[in-house]
C-alpha atoms as a PDB file:
ATOM      1  CA  MET A   1       0.000   0.000   0.000  1.00  0.00           C
ATOM      2  CA  VAL A   2       1.291   3.445  -0.879  1.00  0.00           C
ATOM      3  CA  HIS A   3       1.437   5.734   2.163  1.00  0.00           C
ATOM      4  CA  VAL A   4      -0.042   9.030   0.943  1.00  0.00           C
ATOM      5  CA  LEU A   5       1.175  12.042   2.936  1.00  0.00           C
ATOM      6  CA  SER A   6      -0.724  14.740   1.068  1.00  0.00           C
ATOM      7  CA  SER A   7      -2.751  15.182  -2.091  1.00  0.00           C
ATOM      8  CA  ARG A   8      -3.989  17.892  -4.376  1.00  0.00           C
ATOM      9  CA  ILE A   9      -6.041  18.448  -7.503  1.00  0.00           C
ATOM     10  CA  LEU A  10      -4.143  20.172 -10.329  1.00  0.00           C
ATOM     11  CA  LEU A  11      -5.927  22.529 -12.722  1.00  0.00           C
ATOM     12  CA  ARG A  12      -4.318  24.030 -15.801  1.00  0.00           C
ATOM     13  CA  PRO A  13      -6.745  26.858 -16.667  1.00  0.00           C
ATOM     14  CA  THR A  14      -7.039  28.610 -20.012  1.00  0.00           C
ATOM     15  CA  ASP A  15      -6.852  31.973 -18.202  1.00  0.00           C
ATOM     16  CA  PRO A  16      -4.915  31.627 -14.918  1.00  0.00           C
ATOM     17  CA  GLU A  17      -5.699  35.142 -13.617  1.00  0.00           C
ATOM     18  CA  ARG A  18      -9.430  34.646 -14.195  1.00  0.00           C
ATOM     19  CA  SER A  19      -9.295  31.291 -12.420  1.00  0.00           C
ATOM     20  CA  ARG A  20      -7.336  32.726  -9.476  1.00  0.00           C
ATOM     21  CA  ALA A  21      -9.960  35.481  -9.159  1.00  0.00           C
ATOM     22  CA  PHE A  22     -12.725  32.854  -9.202  1.00  0.00           C
ATOM     23  CA  TYR A  23     -11.210  30.445  -6.671  1.00  0.00           C
ATOM     24  CA  GLY A  24      -9.613  33.072  -4.408  1.00  0.00           C
ATOM     25  CA  GLU A  25     -12.112  35.944  -4.522  1.00  0.00           C
ATOM     26  CA  GLN A  26     -15.462  34.530  -5.620  1.00  0.00           C
ATOM     27  CA  LEU A  27     -15.229  31.130  -3.900  1.00  0.00           C
ATOM     28  CA  GLY A  28     -13.115  32.615  -1.115  1.00  0.00           C
ATOM     29  CA  LEU A  29     -10.717  29.679  -0.833  1.00  0.00           C
ATOM     30  CA  PRO A  30      -7.763  30.469   1.448  1.00  0.00           C
ATOM     31  CA  VAL A  31      -4.301  30.376  -0.123  1.00  0.00           C
ATOM     32  CA  TYR A  32      -1.971  27.655   1.171  1.00  0.00           C
ATOM     33  CA  ARG A  33       1.057  28.772  -0.860  1.00  0.00           C
ATOM     34  CA  GLU A  34       2.130  30.477  -4.065  1.00  0.00           C
ATOM     35  CA  PHE A  35       5.145  29.770  -6.249  1.00  0.00           C
ATOM     36  CA  GLY A  36       6.754  31.078  -9.408  1.00  0.00           C
ATOM     37  CA  THR A  37       6.196  34.460 -11.014  1.00  0.00           C
ATOM     38  CA  GLY A  38       4.147  35.977 -13.789  1.00  0.00           C
ATOM     39  CA  PRO A  39       0.644  35.190 -14.978  1.00  0.00           C
ATOM     40  CA  GLU A  40       1.218  31.423 -15.015  1.00  0.00           C
ATOM     41  CA  ARG A  41       2.533  31.279 -11.435  1.00  0.00           C
ATOM     42  CA  GLY A  42       1.111  28.623  -9.145  1.00  0.00           C
ATOM     43  CA  THR A  43      -1.401  29.186  -6.376  1.00  0.00           C
ATOM     44  CA  VAL A  44      -2.396  26.361  -4.046  1.00  0.00           C
ATOM     45  CA  TYR A  45      -5.685  26.704  -2.144  1.00  0.00           C
ATOM     46  CA  PHE A  46      -6.893  24.826   0.925  1.00  0.00           C
ATOM     47  CA  LEU A  47      -9.777  22.418   0.239  1.00  0.00           C
ATOM     48  CA  GLY A  48     -10.510  21.142   3.728  1.00  0.00           C
ATOM     49  CA  GLY A  49      -8.535  17.883   3.827  1.00  0.00           C
ATOM     50  CA  GLY A  50      -6.881  18.476   0.441  1.00  0.00           C
ATOM     51  CA  PHE A  51      -5.546  21.161  -1.861  1.00  0.00           C
ATOM     52  CA  LEU A  52      -6.360  22.695  -5.244  1.00  0.00           C
ATOM     53  CA  GLU A  53      -3.421  23.920  -7.316  1.00  0.00           C
ATOM     54  CA  VAL A  54      -4.049  26.415 -10.123  1.00  0.00           C
ATOM     55  CA  SER A  55      -0.864  26.760 -12.168  1.00  0.00           C
ATOM     56  CA  GLY A  56       0.419  26.855 -15.706  1.00  0.00           C
ATOM     57  CA  ARG A  57      -1.858  27.313 -18.679  1.00  0.00           C
ATOM     58  CA  SER A  58      -3.847  25.007 -20.915  1.00  0.00           C
ATOM     59  CA  GLU A  59      -4.919  25.616 -24.487  1.00  0.00           C
ATOM     60  CA  ALA A  60      -8.258  23.896 -23.810  1.00  0.00           C
ATOM     61  CA  PRO A  61     -10.498  23.511 -20.754  1.00  0.00           C
ATOM     62  CA  SER A  62     -10.341  20.375 -18.616  1.00  0.00           C
ATOM     63  CA  PRO A  63     -12.237  17.391 -19.991  1.00  0.00           C
ATOM     64  CA  PRO A  64     -15.901  17.261 -18.987  1.00  0.00           C
ATOM     65  CA  SER A  65     -15.204  14.218 -16.818  1.00  0.00           C
ATOM     66  CA  ALA A  66     -13.172  16.348 -14.358  1.00  0.00           C
ATOM     67  CA  ARG A  67     -15.224  17.615 -11.398  1.00  0.00           C
ATOM     68  CA  LEU A  68     -14.635  19.081  -7.949  1.00  0.00           C
ATOM     69  CA  TRP A  69     -16.616  17.884  -4.913  1.00  0.00           C
ATOM     70  CA  LEU A  70     -16.515  20.340  -2.002  1.00  0.00           C
ATOM     71  CA  GLN A  71     -18.263  19.570   1.277  1.00  0.00           C
ATOM     72  CA  VAL A  72     -19.621  22.620   3.119  1.00  0.00           C
ATOM     73  CA  ALA A  73     -21.401  22.950   6.470  1.00  0.00           C
ATOM     74  CA  ASP A  74     -24.431  24.818   5.080  1.00  0.00           C
ATOM     75  CA  VAL A  75     -25.094  24.750   1.338  1.00  0.00           C
ATOM     76  CA  THR A  76     -27.940  27.316   1.603  1.00  0.00           C
ATOM     77  CA  ALA A  77     -25.600  29.815   3.270  1.00  0.00           C
ATOM     78  CA  ALA A  78     -22.948  29.019   0.629  1.00  0.00           C
ATOM     79  CA  GLU A  79     -25.488  29.733  -2.131  1.00  0.00           C
ATOM     80  CA  LYS A  80     -26.330  33.128  -0.633  1.00  0.00           C
ATOM     81  CA  GLU A  81     -22.655  34.042  -0.233  1.00  0.00           C
ATOM     82  CA  LEU A  82     -21.698  32.907  -3.735  1.00  0.00           C
ATOM     83  CA  ARG A  83     -24.605  34.755  -5.379  1.00  0.00           C
ATOM     84  CA  ALA A  84     -23.488  37.925  -3.543  1.00  0.00           C
ATOM     85  CA  ARG A  85     -19.993  37.414  -5.021  1.00  0.00           C
ATOM     86  CA  GLY A  86     -21.396  37.072  -8.544  1.00  0.00           C
ATOM     87  CA  VAL A  87     -21.007  33.308  -8.919  1.00  0.00           C
ATOM     88  CA  GLU A  88     -23.582  31.787 -11.267  1.00  0.00           C
ATOM     89  CA  ILE A  89     -25.497  28.949  -9.654  1.00  0.00           C
ATOM     90  CA  VAL A  90     -25.876  26.193 -12.257  1.00  0.00           C
ATOM     91  CA  ARG A  91     -28.306  24.256 -10.068  1.00  0.00           C
ATOM     92  CA  PRO A  92     -29.643  25.441  -6.689  1.00  0.00           C
ATOM     93  CA  PRO A  93     -29.485  23.222  -3.584  1.00  0.00           C
ATOM     94  CA  VAL A  94     -31.500  20.001  -3.860  1.00  0.00           C
ATOM     95  CA  ARG A  95     -31.724  17.109  -1.412  1.00  0.00           C
ATOM     96  CA  GLU A  96     -30.774  14.131  -3.558  1.00  0.00           C
ATOM     97  CA  PRO A  97     -32.366  10.660  -3.300  1.00  0.00           C
ATOM     98  CA  TRP A  98     -29.140   9.474  -1.619  1.00  0.00           C
ATOM     99  CA  GLY A  99     -29.672  12.054   1.150  1.00  0.00           C
ATOM    100  CA  LEU A 100     -26.994  14.661   0.418  1.00  0.00           C
ATOM    101  CA  VAL A 101     -27.893  18.280  -0.325  1.00  0.00           C
ATOM    102  CA  GLU A 102     -26.063  19.299  -3.515  1.00  0.00           C
ATOM    103  CA  MET A 103     -25.671  22.599  -5.367  1.00  0.00           C
ATOM    104  CA  TRP A 104     -23.792  22.935  -8.666  1.00  0.00           C
ATOM    105  CA  ILE A 105     -21.606  25.780  -9.941  1.00  0.00           C
ATOM    106  CA  SER A 106     -18.732  25.817 -12.445  1.00  0.00           C
ATOM    107  CA  ASP A 107     -15.374  27.534 -12.700  1.00  0.00           C
ATOM    108  CA  PRO A 108     -14.482  29.955 -15.536  1.00  0.00           C
ATOM    109  CA  ASP A 109     -13.356  27.058 -17.782  1.00  0.00           C
ATOM    110  CA  GLY A 110     -16.594  25.169 -17.146  1.00  0.00           C
ATOM    111  CA  THR A 111     -15.199  22.636 -14.646  1.00  0.00           C
ATOM    112  CA  PRO A 112     -18.258  21.421 -12.711  1.00  0.00           C
ATOM    113  CA  ILE A 113     -18.132  22.000  -8.958  1.00  0.00           C
ATOM    114  CA  VAL A 114     -20.617  20.396  -6.595  1.00  0.00           C
ATOM    115  CA  LEU A 115     -21.022  21.884  -3.130  1.00  0.00           C
ATOM    116  CA  VAL A 116     -22.352  19.212  -0.784  1.00  0.00           C
ATOM    117  CA  GLU A 117     -23.946  19.400   2.642  1.00  0.00           C
ATOM    118  CA  VAL A 118     -24.127  16.189   4.654  1.00  0.00           C
ATOM    119  CA  PRO A 119     -27.300  16.472   6.776  1.00  0.00           C
ATOM    120  CA  SER A 120     -27.056  15.435  10.428  1.00  0.00           C
ATOM    121  CA  ASP A 121     -29.317  12.410   9.812  1.00  0.00           C
ATOM    122  CA  HIS A 122     -27.272  11.101   6.855  1.00  0.00           C
ATOM    123  CA  PRO A 123     -25.372   7.779   7.285  1.00  0.00           C
ATOM    124  CA  LEU A 124     -22.094   9.590   6.611  1.00  0.00           C
ATOM    125  CA  ARG A 125     -22.673  11.352   9.959  1.00  0.00           C
ATOM    126  CA  TYR A 126     -25.197   9.274  11.856  1.00  0.00           C
ATOM    127  CA  ARG A 127     -25.051   5.549  12.484  1.00  0.00           C
ATOM    128  CA  PRO A 128     -27.887   4.206  14.629  1.00  0.00           C
ATOM    129  CA  GLY A 129     -26.722   1.704  17.232  1.00  0.00           C
ATOM    130  CA  VAL A 130     -23.036   2.536  16.830  1.00  0.00           C
END
């Protein structure tokens, strides 16, 4: 078994400055570290138990199969905050058949981002008899 010490998601945006503005200002992700210089410098953001690195540049957006899953404490509060910051809500919060509350947005390159709330009665949080 490989012993993983840390992990991160790497994004190569088509417009790094626009993506940094989205993740840092509109989403409000805190910066873990920055490296390099110029418009293609790297910025690494905290994602709870992981990291998101925005660095370099891509000629084309990420493939449609790439997605980010971000768990938040209160998806309704997140929706209100993101709307106030000008983030387009692709799909408002909905309690899914599997019990999670999910809201969808996307980054400037169209990468889908799901914000997820795990309700207190969901099996991920609550296990009767345990």
